[in-house]
Amino acid sequence: MLRTKIGVLFLLALAVPSLADENQEFWGKLSDADKERVRENFDRWKKMSPSEKRSLRGNYEKFQSLSPEDRGRIFKNYERFKSLSPDEREGVRNRFDRFRSLPREERESRLQRFRERRGLERPGGSRFPAGRRW
C-alpha cells in the first residue's frame, strides 16, 4: 500500500504542482529506500516525451474516476502480477498483446465467454462505459 501512496504522491506532484508543498510532511515520513524510488521515477518522468506524460496523467485520472471496488480489484491484480517471475510476467504480456491484436468483435466475444465462465457478467453489460480503453 505504501508503494501505491508513493505513486499517487508522485503523480499528484506532477499533475498539480501546488500540492507538492502539502506533501512535504509525507515526504519526511518516507524511508530512504522509498525516497530513492520516487527519485528514480522522477528521473524516468523527465525522460518521457510530452505524449507519454499526457498518457500517464490520463491513466491516472481514469484510475481515480473508478469506484473504490474497481480500484481495489486493479490493485489486487497488480499485486498478483508483481508476484510472478520475470518469465511469467513476459508470458502474460505476450498473451495480452496477442489478445489486443484480435479484431474488436473477437475480443468482446472472448471476454463475454470468460465472464460467463467466471460468473462475472453484470446487469447492463460491460463493466466499463463504451469506448473506455485499458
N, C-alpha and C. Protein backbone atom coordinates (compact mmCIF):
# COMPACT_ATOMS: atom_id res chain seq x y z
N MET A 1 0.82 -1.19 0.00
CA MET A 1 0.00 0.00 0.00
C MET A 1 0.87 1.25 0.00
N LEU A 2 2.03 1.17 0.66
CA LEU A 2 2.92 2.32 0.70
C LEU A 2 3.39 2.67 -0.71
N ARG A 3 3.66 1.65 -1.53
CA ARG A 3 4.09 1.93 -2.91
C ARG A 3 3.01 2.65 -3.67
N THR A 4 1.76 2.29 -3.43
CA THR A 4 0.65 2.97 -4.09
C THR A 4 0.63 4.43 -3.67
N LYS A 5 0.81 4.68 -2.37
CA LYS A 5 0.83 6.06 -1.89
C LYS A 5 1.98 6.84 -2.50
N ILE A 6 3.13 6.18 -2.65
CA ILE A 6 4.28 6.86 -3.26
C ILE A 6 3.96 7.21 -4.71
N GLY A 7 3.36 6.26 -5.43
CA GLY A 7 3.00 6.52 -6.82
C GLY A 7 1.99 7.64 -6.94
N VAL A 8 1.00 7.63 -6.06
CA VAL A 8 -0.01 8.68 -6.08
C VAL A 8 0.62 10.02 -5.74
N LEU A 9 1.49 10.04 -4.72
CA LEU A 9 2.20 11.26 -4.35
C LEU A 9 2.97 11.81 -5.55
N PHE A 10 3.68 10.93 -6.23
CA PHE A 10 4.48 11.34 -7.38
C PHE A 10 3.58 11.92 -8.48
N LEU A 11 2.51 11.22 -8.80
CA LEU A 11 1.62 11.68 -9.86
C LEU A 11 0.91 12.97 -9.48
N LEU A 12 0.50 13.08 -8.23
CA LEU A 12 -0.14 14.32 -7.80
C LEU A 12 0.82 15.50 -7.88
N ALA A 13 2.04 15.28 -7.47
CA ALA A 13 3.02 16.37 -7.52
C ALA A 13 3.25 16.81 -8.95
N LEU A 14 3.18 15.87 -9.88
CA LEU A 14 3.38 16.22 -11.28
C LEU A 14 2.13 16.86 -11.88
N ALA A 15 0.97 16.31 -11.54
CA ALA A 15 -0.27 16.79 -12.13
C ALA A 15 -0.71 18.13 -11.53
N VAL A 16 -0.46 18.31 -10.25
CA VAL A 16 -0.89 19.54 -9.56
C VAL A 16 0.29 20.04 -8.73
N PRO A 17 1.19 20.81 -9.35
CA PRO A 17 2.39 21.24 -8.64
C PRO A 17 2.13 21.93 -7.31
N SER A 18 0.99 22.61 -7.15
CA SER A 18 0.74 23.30 -5.89
C SER A 18 0.57 22.32 -4.73
N LEU A 19 0.28 21.06 -5.01
CA LEU A 19 0.14 20.09 -3.94
C LEU A 19 1.49 19.60 -3.42
N ALA A 20 2.56 19.90 -4.13
CA ALA A 20 3.87 19.41 -3.72
C ALA A 20 4.22 19.90 -2.32
N ASP A 21 3.88 21.15 -1.99
CA ASP A 21 4.19 21.69 -0.67
C ASP A 21 3.43 20.94 0.42
N GLU A 22 2.19 20.58 0.12
CA GLU A 22 1.37 19.87 1.10
C GLU A 22 1.90 18.47 1.37
N ASN A 23 2.70 17.94 0.47
CA ASN A 23 3.20 16.59 0.62
C ASN A 23 4.57 16.54 1.29
N GLN A 24 5.10 17.69 1.70
CA GLN A 24 6.40 17.71 2.36
C GLN A 24 6.39 16.87 3.64
N GLU A 25 5.30 16.94 4.38
CA GLU A 25 5.22 16.16 5.62
C GLU A 25 5.27 14.67 5.30
N PHE A 26 4.53 14.24 4.28
CA PHE A 26 4.54 12.84 3.88
C PHE A 26 5.94 12.43 3.43
N TRP A 27 6.62 13.30 2.67
CA TRP A 27 7.98 13.02 2.19
C TRP A 27 8.91 12.76 3.37
N GLY A 28 8.76 13.53 4.41
CA GLY A 28 9.61 13.36 5.58
C GLY A 28 9.42 12.02 6.27
N LYS A 29 8.25 11.41 6.11
CA LYS A 29 7.97 10.12 6.74
C LYS A 29 8.46 8.93 5.91
N LEU A 30 8.85 9.18 4.66
CA LEU A 30 9.29 8.09 3.80
C LEU A 30 10.66 7.58 4.23
N SER A 31 10.88 6.30 4.03
CA SER A 31 12.20 5.73 4.29
C SER A 31 13.15 6.19 3.18
N ASP A 32 14.43 6.03 3.41
CA ASP A 32 15.40 6.41 2.39
C ASP A 32 15.19 5.60 1.10
N ALA A 33 14.84 4.33 1.25
CA ALA A 33 14.60 3.48 0.07
C ALA A 33 13.40 3.99 -0.73
N ASP A 34 12.34 4.39 -0.02
CA ASP A 34 11.15 4.91 -0.71
C ASP A 34 11.46 6.24 -1.40
N LYS A 35 12.24 7.09 -0.74
CA LYS A 35 12.63 8.36 -1.36
C LYS A 35 13.44 8.10 -2.63
N GLU A 36 14.29 7.10 -2.59
CA GLU A 36 15.09 6.77 -3.77
C GLU A 36 14.20 6.30 -4.91
N ARG A 37 13.16 5.51 -4.59
CA ARG A 37 12.22 5.06 -5.63
C ARG A 37 11.51 6.24 -6.27
N VAL A 38 11.12 7.21 -5.47
CA VAL A 38 10.46 8.40 -6.01
C VAL A 38 11.43 9.15 -6.93
N ARG A 39 12.67 9.28 -6.49
CA ARG A 39 13.67 9.97 -7.33
C ARG A 39 13.89 9.25 -8.65
N GLU A 40 13.97 7.91 -8.59
CA GLU A 40 14.15 7.13 -9.83
C GLU A 40 12.97 7.33 -10.77
N ASN A 41 11.76 7.31 -10.22
CA ASN A 41 10.58 7.53 -11.05
C ASN A 41 10.56 8.93 -11.63
N PHE A 42 11.00 9.90 -10.85
CA PHE A 42 11.06 11.27 -11.35
C PHE A 42 12.07 11.37 -12.50
N ASP A 43 13.20 10.67 -12.37
CA ASP A 43 14.18 10.67 -13.46
C ASP A 43 13.58 10.06 -14.73
N ARG A 44 12.80 8.98 -14.56
CA ARG A 44 12.13 8.39 -15.73
C ARG A 44 11.11 9.38 -16.31
N TRP A 45 10.39 10.09 -15.44
CA TRP A 45 9.41 11.07 -15.88
C TRP A 45 10.06 12.14 -16.74
N LYS A 46 11.20 12.64 -16.30
CA LYS A 46 11.88 13.72 -17.03
C LYS A 46 12.29 13.27 -18.43
N LYS A 47 12.51 11.97 -18.61
CA LYS A 47 12.94 11.46 -19.91
C LYS A 47 11.77 11.13 -20.84
N MET A 48 10.54 11.19 -20.32
CA MET A 48 9.37 10.86 -21.13
C MET A 48 9.05 12.00 -22.10
N SER A 49 8.47 11.60 -23.23
CA SER A 49 8.00 12.60 -24.19
C SER A 49 6.72 13.24 -23.66
N PRO A 50 6.36 14.39 -24.18
CA PRO A 50 5.10 15.02 -23.74
C PRO A 50 3.89 14.11 -23.94
N SER A 51 3.86 13.34 -25.02
CA SER A 51 2.71 12.45 -25.24
C SER A 51 2.68 11.32 -24.21
N GLU A 52 3.85 10.82 -23.81
CA GLU A 52 3.88 9.79 -22.78
C GLU A 52 3.40 10.35 -21.44
N LYS A 53 3.78 11.59 -21.15
CA LYS A 53 3.33 12.23 -19.91
C LYS A 53 1.82 12.43 -19.92
N ARG A 54 1.29 12.89 -21.06
CA ARG A 54 -0.17 13.07 -21.15
C ARG A 54 -0.88 11.74 -20.95
N SER A 55 -0.34 10.69 -21.55
CA SER A 55 -0.94 9.37 -21.42
C SER A 55 -0.93 8.90 -19.96
N LEU A 56 0.18 9.09 -19.28
CA LEU A 56 0.27 8.68 -17.88
C LEU A 56 -0.70 9.48 -17.02
N ARG A 57 -0.78 10.78 -17.25
CA ARG A 57 -1.74 11.60 -16.50
C ARG A 57 -3.17 11.16 -16.79
N GLY A 58 -3.46 10.85 -18.05
CA GLY A 58 -4.79 10.38 -18.41
C GLY A 58 -5.14 9.07 -17.73
N ASN A 59 -4.18 8.15 -17.67
CA ASN A 59 -4.42 6.88 -16.99
C ASN A 59 -4.66 7.10 -15.50
N TYR A 60 -3.91 8.04 -14.92
CA TYR A 60 -4.10 8.35 -13.50
C TYR A 60 -5.52 8.90 -13.28
N GLU A 61 -5.96 9.81 -14.14
CA GLU A 61 -7.30 10.38 -14.00
C GLU A 61 -8.38 9.31 -14.18
N LYS A 62 -8.18 8.40 -15.14
CA LYS A 62 -9.14 7.30 -15.32
C LYS A 62 -9.20 6.43 -14.08
N PHE A 63 -8.03 6.11 -13.53
CA PHE A 63 -7.98 5.28 -12.33
C PHE A 63 -8.72 5.95 -11.18
N GLN A 64 -8.50 7.23 -11.01
CA GLN A 64 -9.15 7.96 -9.92
C GLN A 64 -10.66 8.03 -10.10
N SER A 65 -11.13 7.96 -11.34
CA SER A 65 -12.57 8.06 -11.59
C SER A 65 -13.29 6.72 -11.34
N LEU A 66 -12.56 5.65 -11.14
CA LEU A 66 -13.16 4.35 -10.90
C LEU A 66 -13.72 4.27 -9.48
N SER A 67 -14.64 3.34 -9.30
CA SER A 67 -15.19 3.12 -7.97
C SER A 67 -14.09 2.52 -7.09
N PRO A 68 -14.22 2.65 -5.78
CA PRO A 68 -13.23 2.03 -4.89
C PRO A 68 -13.10 0.52 -5.11
N GLU A 69 -14.21 -0.14 -5.43
CA GLU A 69 -14.16 -1.58 -5.68
C GLU A 69 -13.31 -1.90 -6.90
N ASP A 70 -13.51 -1.13 -7.97
CA ASP A 70 -12.74 -1.37 -9.19
C ASP A 70 -11.26 -1.04 -8.98
N ARG A 71 -10.98 0.04 -8.25
CA ARG A 71 -9.57 0.36 -7.95
C ARG A 71 -8.94 -0.76 -7.13
N GLY A 72 -9.68 -1.29 -6.17
CA GLY A 72 -9.18 -2.39 -5.35
C GLY A 72 -8.91 -3.62 -6.17
N ARG A 73 -9.81 -3.90 -7.12
CA ARG A 73 -9.62 -5.06 -8.00
C ARG A 73 -8.37 -4.90 -8.85
N ILE A 74 -8.18 -3.70 -9.39
CA ILE A 74 -6.99 -3.45 -10.21
C ILE A 74 -5.73 -3.57 -9.37
N PHE A 75 -5.75 -3.02 -8.15
CA PHE A 75 -4.59 -3.10 -7.28
C PHE A 75 -4.27 -4.55 -6.94
N LYS A 76 -5.32 -5.35 -6.67
CA LYS A 76 -5.12 -6.77 -6.36
C LYS A 76 -4.48 -7.49 -7.55
N ASN A 77 -4.97 -7.21 -8.75
CA ASN A 77 -4.39 -7.83 -9.94
C ASN A 77 -2.94 -7.40 -10.14
N TYR A 78 -2.66 -6.13 -9.86
CA TYR A 78 -1.29 -5.62 -9.96
C TYR A 78 -0.37 -6.35 -8.98
N GLU A 79 -0.84 -6.53 -7.75
CA GLU A 79 -0.04 -7.23 -6.75
C GLU A 79 0.23 -8.67 -7.19
N ARG A 80 -0.79 -9.33 -7.75
CA ARG A 80 -0.59 -10.70 -8.26
C ARG A 80 0.42 -10.71 -9.39
N PHE A 81 0.35 -9.72 -10.28
CA PHE A 81 1.27 -9.64 -11.41
C PHE A 81 2.70 -9.44 -10.90
N LYS A 82 2.88 -8.58 -9.90
CA LYS A 82 4.21 -8.32 -9.35
C LYS A 82 4.82 -9.58 -8.74
N SER A 83 3.98 -10.48 -8.24
CA SER A 83 4.49 -11.67 -7.58
C SER A 83 4.97 -12.73 -8.58
N LEU A 84 4.68 -12.55 -9.85
CA LEU A 84 5.10 -13.51 -10.87
C LEU A 84 6.60 -13.37 -11.14
N SER A 85 7.18 -14.45 -11.64
CA SER A 85 8.59 -14.39 -12.05
C SER A 85 8.68 -13.55 -13.32
N PRO A 86 9.88 -13.07 -13.67
CA PRO A 86 10.02 -12.29 -14.91
C PRO A 86 9.53 -13.05 -16.14
N ASP A 87 9.80 -14.36 -16.21
CA ASP A 87 9.33 -15.14 -17.36
C ASP A 87 7.81 -15.23 -17.40
N GLU A 88 7.20 -15.39 -16.23
CA GLU A 88 5.73 -15.45 -16.18
C GLU A 88 5.12 -14.10 -16.57
N ARG A 89 5.72 -13.00 -16.11
CA ARG A 89 5.22 -11.67 -16.49
C ARG A 89 5.34 -11.47 -18.00
N GLU A 90 6.44 -11.92 -18.56
CA GLU A 90 6.62 -11.80 -20.02
C GLU A 90 5.55 -12.60 -20.75
N GLY A 91 5.22 -13.78 -20.25
CA GLY A 91 4.17 -14.59 -20.85
C GLY A 91 2.82 -13.89 -20.80
N VAL A 92 2.52 -13.27 -19.67
CA VAL A 92 1.26 -12.53 -19.53
C VAL A 92 1.24 -11.37 -20.53
N ARG A 93 2.34 -10.64 -20.63
CA ARG A 93 2.40 -9.52 -21.59
C ARG A 93 2.19 -10.02 -23.02
N ASN A 94 2.82 -11.13 -23.37
CA ASN A 94 2.67 -11.67 -24.72
C ASN A 94 1.23 -12.08 -25.01
N ARG A 95 0.58 -12.74 -24.03
CA ARG A 95 -0.82 -13.13 -24.23
C ARG A 95 -1.71 -11.90 -24.37
N PHE A 96 -1.44 -10.88 -23.57
CA PHE A 96 -2.22 -9.66 -23.66
C PHE A 96 -2.03 -8.99 -25.01
N ASP A 97 -0.79 -8.93 -25.50
CA ASP A 97 -0.53 -8.34 -26.82
C ASP A 97 -1.25 -9.11 -27.92
N ARG A 98 -1.24 -10.45 -27.83
CA ARG A 98 -1.96 -11.25 -28.84
C ARG A 98 -3.46 -10.97 -28.76
N PHE A 99 -3.98 -10.88 -27.53
CA PHE A 99 -5.40 -10.59 -27.35
C PHE A 99 -5.75 -9.23 -27.94
N ARG A 100 -4.95 -8.20 -27.67
CA ARG A 100 -5.22 -6.86 -28.17
C ARG A 100 -5.13 -6.78 -29.69
N SER A 101 -4.39 -7.69 -30.30
CA SER A 101 -4.26 -7.65 -31.76
C SER A 101 -5.46 -8.30 -32.47
N LEU A 102 -6.32 -8.97 -31.71
CA LEU A 102 -7.52 -9.58 -32.31
C LEU A 102 -8.51 -8.49 -32.72
N PRO A 103 -9.35 -8.78 -33.71
CA PRO A 103 -10.41 -7.83 -34.06
C PRO A 103 -11.31 -7.58 -32.85
N ARG A 104 -11.87 -6.40 -32.77
CA ARG A 104 -12.69 -5.99 -31.62
C ARG A 104 -13.80 -6.99 -31.32
N GLU A 105 -14.48 -7.48 -32.34
CA GLU A 105 -15.59 -8.41 -32.14
C GLU A 105 -15.10 -9.69 -31.48
N GLU A 106 -13.94 -10.19 -31.92
CA GLU A 106 -13.39 -11.41 -31.34
C GLU A 106 -13.00 -11.19 -29.87
N ARG A 107 -12.40 -10.03 -29.57
CA ARG A 107 -12.03 -9.72 -28.17
C ARG A 107 -13.28 -9.69 -27.30
N GLU A 108 -14.33 -9.00 -27.78
CA GLU A 108 -15.56 -8.91 -27.00
C GLU A 108 -16.21 -10.27 -26.80
N SER A 109 -16.16 -11.11 -27.82
CA SER A 109 -16.72 -12.45 -27.72
C SER A 109 -15.97 -13.27 -26.68
N ARG A 110 -14.65 -13.20 -26.72
CA ARG A 110 -13.84 -13.95 -25.74
C ARG A 110 -14.05 -13.43 -24.33
N LEU A 111 -14.16 -12.10 -24.17
CA LEU A 111 -14.41 -11.55 -22.85
C LEU A 111 -15.77 -12.00 -22.32
N GLN A 112 -16.75 -12.03 -23.20
CA GLN A 112 -18.09 -12.46 -22.79
C GLN A 112 -18.05 -13.91 -22.30
N ARG A 113 -17.38 -14.78 -23.05
CA ARG A 113 -17.29 -16.19 -22.64
C ARG A 113 -16.54 -16.31 -21.31
N PHE A 114 -15.48 -15.54 -21.13
CA PHE A 114 -14.72 -15.55 -19.88
C PHE A 114 -15.60 -15.13 -18.71
N ARG A 115 -16.34 -14.05 -18.90
CA ARG A 115 -17.22 -13.56 -17.82
C ARG A 115 -18.30 -14.59 -17.47
N GLU A 116 -18.84 -15.22 -18.49
CA GLU A 116 -19.87 -16.22 -18.24
C GLU A 116 -19.31 -17.39 -17.45
N ARG A 117 -18.11 -17.85 -17.81
CA ARG A 117 -17.49 -18.96 -17.09
C ARG A 117 -17.19 -18.59 -15.65
N ARG A 118 -16.81 -17.36 -15.43
CA ARG A 118 -16.42 -16.91 -14.09
C ARG A 118 -17.59 -16.31 -13.30
N GLY A 119 -18.74 -16.23 -13.94
CA GLY A 119 -19.89 -15.63 -13.27
C GLY A 119 -19.71 -14.14 -13.02
N LEU A 120 -19.04 -13.47 -13.95
CA LEU A 120 -18.73 -12.06 -13.78
C LEU A 120 -19.68 -11.13 -14.53
N GLU A 121 -20.61 -11.69 -15.27
CA GLU A 121 -21.48 -10.83 -16.06
C GLU A 121 -22.30 -9.95 -15.15
N ARG A 122 -22.37 -8.68 -15.51
CA ARG A 122 -23.11 -7.72 -14.71
C ARG A 122 -24.36 -7.29 -15.48
N PRO A 123 -25.39 -6.94 -14.76
CA PRO A 123 -26.59 -6.44 -15.45
C PRO A 123 -26.22 -5.20 -16.26
N GLY A 124 -26.69 -5.15 -17.46
CA GLY A 124 -26.41 -3.99 -18.30
C GLY A 124 -25.17 -4.14 -19.14
N GLY A 125 -24.48 -5.27 -19.04
CA GLY A 125 -23.36 -5.50 -19.94
C GLY A 125 -22.01 -5.21 -19.34
N SER A 126 -21.21 -4.48 -20.09
CA SER A 126 -19.81 -4.28 -19.79
C SER A 126 -19.57 -3.60 -18.45
N ARG A 127 -18.43 -3.89 -17.88
CA ARG A 127 -18.00 -3.32 -16.61
C ARG A 127 -17.70 -1.83 -16.75
N PHE A 128 -17.17 -1.41 -17.88
CA PHE A 128 -16.78 -0.02 -18.09
C PHE A 128 -17.62 0.58 -19.22
N PRO A 129 -17.78 1.90 -19.22
CA PRO A 129 -18.55 2.54 -20.28
C PRO A 129 -17.92 2.27 -21.64
N ALA A 130 -18.73 2.31 -22.68
CA ALA A 130 -18.25 2.07 -24.04
C ALA A 130 -17.16 3.06 -24.39
N GLY A 131 -16.17 2.58 -25.08
CA GLY A 131 -15.10 3.45 -25.54
C GLY A 131 -13.95 3.59 -24.59
N ARG A 132 -14.09 3.16 -23.36
CA ARG A 132 -13.01 3.27 -22.38
C ARG A 132 -12.00 2.16 -22.65
N ARG A 133 -10.76 2.55 -22.82
CA ARG A 133 -9.73 1.55 -23.13
C ARG A 133 -8.78 1.46 -21.96
N TRP A 134 -8.44 0.22 -21.60
CA TRP A 134 -7.45 -0.01 -20.54
C TRP A 134 -6.39 -0.87 -21.06
